[in-house]
Amino acid sequence: RGKGISIAKDLAEIDKILGEQIVRGELHTCILQKYIENPLLFNKRKFDIRCYGLLTSINGNVKGYFYKEGYLRTASKEFSLKSLSAKVVHLTNEAVQKKYETFGRFESGNK
């Protein structure tokens, strides 16, 4: 849904974001990960790949199943590092993308 996701450019900005959440009593659990500054792009836009699989193990017998159909989720604005706060550029979540006028401009439902 994109709720609570922040993109920071350095450690000082991360400290500021976490400090504000602590003051508001909103910090519970957080995940930090390195942002890819030079991602693979689709038509100059970020994307992620959604595909589904299932791995089972019954009595030590391991089986894997893979659903053949998957899809791409795309951002509806071209990638740039100029504005890290522009969620429409950096997050491919439909809940985020559908709030912008560019949603669905390139692909139906950004998929």
N, C-alpha and C. Protein backbone atom coordinates (compact mmCIF):
# COMPACT_ATOMS: atom_id res chain seq x y z
N ARG A 1 0.81 -1.20 0.00
CA ARG A 1 0.00 0.00 0.00
C ARG A 1 0.84 1.26 0.00
N GLY A 2 2.12 1.10 0.29
CA GLY A 2 2.99 2.27 0.31
C GLY A 2 2.92 3.06 1.60
N LYS A 3 2.07 2.65 2.54
CA LYS A 3 1.91 3.39 3.79
C LYS A 3 3.15 3.19 4.65
N GLY A 4 3.71 4.29 5.11
CA GLY A 4 4.86 4.22 5.99
C GLY A 4 6.19 4.02 5.28
N ILE A 5 6.18 3.99 3.95
CA ILE A 5 7.42 3.82 3.21
C ILE A 5 8.07 5.18 3.00
N SER A 6 9.32 5.27 3.36
CA SER A 6 10.10 6.49 3.17
C SER A 6 11.37 6.14 2.42
N ILE A 7 11.83 7.07 1.62
CA ILE A 7 13.09 6.90 0.92
C ILE A 7 14.02 8.01 1.41
N ALA A 8 15.19 7.63 1.90
CA ALA A 8 16.14 8.60 2.44
C ALA A 8 17.43 8.55 1.65
N LYS A 9 18.09 9.68 1.54
CA LYS A 9 19.33 9.72 0.76
C LYS A 9 20.58 9.46 1.58
N ASP A 10 20.49 9.58 2.93
CA ASP A 10 21.67 9.34 3.75
C ASP A 10 21.25 8.99 5.18
N LEU A 11 22.24 8.65 6.01
CA LEU A 11 21.98 8.23 7.38
C LEU A 11 21.33 9.33 8.21
N ALA A 12 21.72 10.57 7.99
CA ALA A 12 21.14 11.70 8.74
C ALA A 12 19.63 11.79 8.49
N GLU A 13 19.23 11.58 7.25
CA GLU A 13 17.81 11.63 6.92
C GLU A 13 17.06 10.45 7.54
N ILE A 14 17.69 9.28 7.58
CA ILE A 14 17.08 8.12 8.23
C ILE A 14 16.89 8.42 9.72
N ASP A 15 17.92 8.98 10.37
CA ASP A 15 17.81 9.36 11.78
C ASP A 15 16.65 10.33 12.01
N LYS A 16 16.51 11.28 11.12
CA LYS A 16 15.43 12.28 11.24
C LYS A 16 14.06 11.61 11.13
N ILE A 17 13.89 10.75 10.14
CA ILE A 17 12.60 10.06 9.93
C ILE A 17 12.26 9.20 11.14
N LEU A 18 13.22 8.40 11.61
CA LEU A 18 12.97 7.53 12.77
C LEU A 18 12.72 8.35 14.03
N GLY A 19 13.46 9.44 14.20
CA GLY A 19 13.26 10.30 15.37
C GLY A 19 11.86 10.90 15.39
N GLU A 20 11.36 11.34 14.23
CA GLU A 20 9.99 11.88 14.15
C GLU A 20 8.96 10.82 14.49
N GLN A 21 9.17 9.58 14.03
CA GLN A 21 8.24 8.50 14.34
C GLN A 21 8.26 8.16 15.83
N ILE A 22 9.42 8.21 16.45
CA ILE A 22 9.51 7.94 17.89
C ILE A 22 8.75 9.00 18.68
N VAL A 23 8.94 10.27 18.32
CA VAL A 23 8.26 11.37 19.00
C VAL A 23 6.74 11.22 18.90
N ARG A 24 6.26 10.81 17.73
CA ARG A 24 4.81 10.64 17.52
C ARG A 24 4.31 9.31 18.10
N GLY A 25 5.21 8.47 18.59
CA GLY A 25 4.81 7.17 19.12
C GLY A 25 4.38 6.19 18.04
N GLU A 26 4.88 6.36 16.82
CA GLU A 26 4.48 5.54 15.68
C GLU A 26 5.50 4.46 15.31
N LEU A 27 6.67 4.50 15.89
CA LEU A 27 7.71 3.54 15.51
C LEU A 27 7.50 2.22 16.22
N HIS A 28 7.26 1.18 15.46
CA HIS A 28 7.08 -0.15 16.01
C HIS A 28 8.19 -1.06 15.50
N THR A 29 8.16 -1.34 14.24
CA THR A 29 9.18 -2.15 13.59
C THR A 29 9.55 -1.42 12.31
N CYS A 30 10.80 -1.47 11.95
CA CYS A 30 11.18 -0.85 10.69
C CYS A 30 12.14 -1.78 9.95
N ILE A 31 12.10 -1.65 8.66
CA ILE A 31 12.99 -2.42 7.79
C ILE A 31 13.79 -1.40 6.98
N LEU A 32 15.09 -1.54 7.00
CA LEU A 32 15.95 -0.68 6.20
C LEU A 32 16.55 -1.53 5.09
N GLN A 33 16.57 -0.98 3.90
CA GLN A 33 17.21 -1.70 2.81
C GLN A 33 17.88 -0.70 1.88
N LYS A 34 18.90 -1.15 1.23
CA LYS A 34 19.63 -0.32 0.27
C LYS A 34 18.79 -0.09 -0.96
N TYR A 35 18.67 1.15 -1.36
CA TYR A 35 17.92 1.51 -2.55
C TYR A 35 18.82 1.33 -3.77
N ILE A 36 18.30 0.76 -4.81
CA ILE A 36 19.07 0.57 -6.04
C ILE A 36 19.01 1.86 -6.85
N GLU A 37 20.14 2.54 -6.94
CA GLU A 37 20.18 3.83 -7.63
C GLU A 37 20.13 3.72 -9.14
N ASN A 38 20.49 2.54 -9.67
CA ASN A 38 20.54 2.35 -11.11
C ASN A 38 19.75 1.08 -11.46
N PRO A 39 18.43 1.09 -11.27
CA PRO A 39 17.64 -0.13 -11.49
C PRO A 39 17.43 -0.44 -12.96
N LEU A 40 17.12 -1.69 -13.24
CA LEU A 40 16.68 -2.08 -14.58
C LEU A 40 15.33 -1.41 -14.81
N LEU A 41 15.15 -0.78 -15.95
CA LEU A 41 13.92 -0.02 -16.22
C LEU A 41 13.16 -0.59 -17.41
N PHE A 42 11.87 -0.38 -17.42
CA PHE A 42 10.99 -0.74 -18.53
C PHE A 42 10.43 0.55 -19.08
N ASN A 43 10.80 0.90 -20.31
CA ASN A 43 10.38 2.17 -20.91
C ASN A 43 10.68 3.36 -19.99
N LYS A 44 11.87 3.36 -19.40
CA LYS A 44 12.38 4.42 -18.52
C LYS A 44 11.66 4.50 -17.17
N ARG A 45 10.87 3.47 -16.83
CA ARG A 45 10.11 3.47 -15.58
C ARG A 45 10.46 2.24 -14.75
N LYS A 46 10.36 2.38 -13.42
CA LYS A 46 10.60 1.25 -12.53
C LYS A 46 9.50 0.21 -12.70
N PHE A 47 9.84 -1.03 -12.37
CA PHE A 47 8.84 -2.09 -12.44
C PHE A 47 9.21 -3.18 -11.44
N ASP A 48 8.25 -4.01 -11.11
CA ASP A 48 8.56 -5.24 -10.39
C ASP A 48 7.83 -6.38 -11.08
N ILE A 49 8.30 -7.57 -10.84
CA ILE A 49 7.74 -8.76 -11.48
C ILE A 49 6.98 -9.55 -10.42
N ARG A 50 5.74 -9.88 -10.73
CA ARG A 50 4.92 -10.69 -9.83
C ARG A 50 4.72 -12.06 -10.46
N CYS A 51 5.19 -13.07 -9.79
CA CYS A 51 4.95 -14.45 -10.21
C CYS A 51 4.76 -15.28 -8.95
N TYR A 52 4.10 -16.40 -9.10
CA TYR A 52 3.70 -17.17 -7.93
C TYR A 52 4.19 -18.60 -8.00
N GLY A 53 4.61 -19.10 -6.87
CA GLY A 53 5.07 -20.47 -6.77
C GLY A 53 4.70 -21.04 -5.42
N LEU A 54 4.76 -22.34 -5.31
CA LEU A 54 4.45 -23.03 -4.07
C LEU A 54 5.45 -24.15 -3.90
N LEU A 55 6.02 -24.25 -2.73
CA LEU A 55 6.96 -25.32 -2.41
C LEU A 55 6.38 -26.09 -1.23
N THR A 56 6.21 -27.40 -1.41
CA THR A 56 5.65 -28.23 -0.34
C THR A 56 6.66 -29.28 0.07
N SER A 57 6.53 -29.74 1.29
CA SER A 57 7.36 -30.84 1.79
C SER A 57 6.48 -31.72 2.66
N ILE A 58 6.21 -32.92 2.18
CA ILE A 58 5.40 -33.87 2.92
C ILE A 58 6.23 -35.14 3.10
N ASN A 59 6.47 -35.47 4.36
CA ASN A 59 7.30 -36.64 4.69
C ASN A 59 8.66 -36.62 3.99
N GLY A 60 9.24 -35.45 3.89
CA GLY A 60 10.55 -35.31 3.25
C GLY A 60 10.52 -35.27 1.74
N ASN A 61 9.34 -35.41 1.13
CA ASN A 61 9.19 -35.35 -0.32
C ASN A 61 8.89 -33.90 -0.72
N VAL A 62 9.85 -33.25 -1.33
CA VAL A 62 9.71 -31.85 -1.70
C VAL A 62 9.19 -31.72 -3.13
N LYS A 63 8.15 -30.90 -3.30
CA LYS A 63 7.61 -30.64 -4.63
C LYS A 63 7.47 -29.14 -4.80
N GLY A 64 7.73 -28.68 -6.01
CA GLY A 64 7.57 -27.27 -6.33
C GLY A 64 6.57 -27.09 -7.46
N TYR A 65 5.77 -26.06 -7.32
CA TYR A 65 4.77 -25.72 -8.34
C TYR A 65 4.96 -24.25 -8.69
N PHE A 66 4.84 -23.96 -9.97
CA PHE A 66 5.02 -22.59 -10.43
C PHE A 66 3.87 -22.22 -11.35
N TYR A 67 3.20 -21.12 -11.05
CA TYR A 67 2.11 -20.66 -11.90
C TYR A 67 2.73 -19.97 -13.11
N LYS A 68 2.37 -20.40 -14.31
CA LYS A 68 3.04 -19.93 -15.53
C LYS A 68 2.79 -18.46 -15.84
N GLU A 69 1.65 -17.94 -15.45
CA GLU A 69 1.34 -16.55 -15.77
C GLU A 69 1.74 -15.62 -14.63
N GLY A 70 2.45 -14.58 -14.96
CA GLY A 70 2.83 -13.55 -14.01
C GLY A 70 2.56 -12.20 -14.66
N TYR A 71 2.97 -11.15 -14.01
CA TYR A 71 2.78 -9.83 -14.61
C TYR A 71 3.81 -8.84 -14.06
N LEU A 72 3.97 -7.74 -14.75
CA LEU A 72 4.82 -6.64 -14.31
C LEU A 72 3.94 -5.57 -13.71
N ARG A 73 4.40 -4.96 -12.64
CA ARG A 73 3.75 -3.76 -12.12
C ARG A 73 4.70 -2.61 -12.44
N THR A 74 4.19 -1.57 -13.03
CA THR A 74 5.04 -0.47 -13.47
C THR A 74 4.70 0.83 -12.76
N ALA A 75 5.70 1.68 -12.66
CA ALA A 75 5.48 3.05 -12.19
C ALA A 75 4.94 3.84 -13.38
N SER A 76 4.20 4.89 -13.10
CA SER A 76 3.60 5.64 -14.21
C SER A 76 4.35 6.93 -14.52
N LYS A 77 5.50 7.13 -13.91
CA LYS A 77 6.36 8.28 -14.25
C LYS A 77 7.79 7.77 -14.43
N GLU A 78 8.53 8.44 -15.28
CA GLU A 78 9.91 8.05 -15.56
C GLU A 78 10.78 8.13 -14.32
N PHE A 79 11.71 7.18 -14.21
CA PHE A 79 12.61 7.10 -13.06
C PHE A 79 13.58 8.26 -13.03
N SER A 80 13.78 8.80 -11.82
CA SER A 80 14.75 9.85 -11.58
C SER A 80 15.08 9.85 -10.10
N LEU A 81 16.31 10.19 -9.76
CA LEU A 81 16.69 10.31 -8.36
C LEU A 81 16.55 11.74 -7.85
N LYS A 82 16.02 12.64 -8.69
CA LYS A 82 15.91 14.05 -8.31
C LYS A 82 14.94 14.27 -7.16
N SER A 83 13.87 13.51 -7.10
CA SER A 83 12.90 13.66 -6.02
C SER A 83 12.60 12.30 -5.40
N LEU A 84 13.26 12.01 -4.29
CA LEU A 84 13.06 10.72 -3.64
C LEU A 84 11.70 10.62 -2.96
N SER A 85 11.04 11.76 -2.73
CA SER A 85 9.73 11.73 -2.08
C SER A 85 8.59 11.45 -3.07
N ALA A 86 8.88 11.40 -4.37
CA ALA A 86 7.85 11.16 -5.39
C ALA A 86 7.54 9.66 -5.46
N LYS A 87 6.57 9.21 -4.67
CA LYS A 87 6.24 7.78 -4.63
C LYS A 87 5.80 7.25 -5.98
N VAL A 88 5.19 8.09 -6.81
CA VAL A 88 4.74 7.65 -8.13
C VAL A 88 5.91 7.21 -9.01
N VAL A 89 7.10 7.70 -8.72
CA VAL A 89 8.31 7.35 -9.47
C VAL A 89 8.97 6.10 -8.89
N HIS A 90 8.95 5.97 -7.57
CA HIS A 90 9.77 4.96 -6.90
C HIS A 90 9.03 3.71 -6.45
N LEU A 91 7.71 3.76 -6.29
CA LEU A 91 6.95 2.61 -5.82
C LEU A 91 5.97 2.14 -6.89
N THR A 92 5.91 0.85 -7.12
CA THR A 92 5.01 0.33 -8.16
C THR A 92 3.68 -0.16 -7.59
N ASN A 93 3.47 -0.02 -6.29
CA ASN A 93 2.23 -0.47 -5.66
C ASN A 93 1.02 0.16 -6.34
N GLU A 94 0.02 -0.64 -6.66
CA GLU A 94 -1.20 -0.10 -7.27
C GLU A 94 -1.88 0.90 -6.35
N ALA A 95 -1.86 0.66 -5.05
CA ALA A 95 -2.48 1.57 -4.09
C ALA A 95 -1.84 2.96 -4.15
N VAL A 96 -0.56 3.00 -4.46
CA VAL A 96 0.14 4.28 -4.62
C VAL A 96 -0.13 4.86 -6.00
N GLN A 97 0.04 4.06 -7.04
CA GLN A 97 -0.04 4.53 -8.42
C GLN A 97 -1.42 5.07 -8.80
N LYS A 98 -2.48 4.43 -8.30
CA LYS A 98 -3.84 4.83 -8.73
C LYS A 98 -4.24 6.22 -8.25
N LYS A 99 -3.47 6.83 -7.37
CA LYS A 99 -3.75 8.18 -6.88
C LYS A 99 -3.30 9.26 -7.86
N TYR A 100 -2.56 8.88 -8.89
CA TYR A 100 -1.96 9.87 -9.79
C TYR A 100 -2.64 9.85 -11.16
N GLU A 101 -2.65 11.01 -11.79
CA GLU A 101 -3.33 11.15 -13.10
C GLU A 101 -2.66 10.32 -14.19
N THR A 102 -1.43 9.91 -14.00
CA THR A 102 -0.72 9.12 -15.01
C THR A 102 -0.99 7.62 -14.88
N PHE A 103 -1.77 7.20 -13.89
CA PHE A 103 -2.08 5.78 -13.69
C PHE A 103 -2.79 5.22 -14.92
N GLY A 104 -2.29 4.13 -15.46
CA GLY A 104 -2.91 3.48 -16.60
C GLY A 104 -2.62 4.13 -17.94
N ARG A 105 -1.82 5.17 -17.96
CA ARG A 105 -1.52 5.86 -19.23
C ARG A 105 -0.74 4.99 -20.20
N PHE A 106 0.17 4.19 -19.68
CA PHE A 106 1.04 3.37 -20.54
C PHE A 106 0.58 1.93 -20.66
N GLU A 107 0.10 1.36 -19.55
CA GLU A 107 -0.43 0.00 -19.53
C GLU A 107 -1.72 0.03 -18.74
N SER A 108 -2.67 -0.79 -19.11
CA SER A 108 -3.93 -0.85 -18.39
C SER A 108 -3.66 -1.23 -16.94
N GLY A 109 -4.03 -0.38 -16.01
CA GLY A 109 -3.81 -0.66 -14.60
C GLY A 109 -2.36 -0.76 -14.20
N ASN A 110 -1.47 -0.19 -15.02
CA ASN A 110 -0.02 -0.25 -14.79
C ASN A 110 0.50 -1.68 -14.71
N LYS A 111 -0.15 -2.60 -15.40
CA LYS A 111 0.28 -4.01 -15.42
C LYS A 111 0.46 -4.47 -16.85
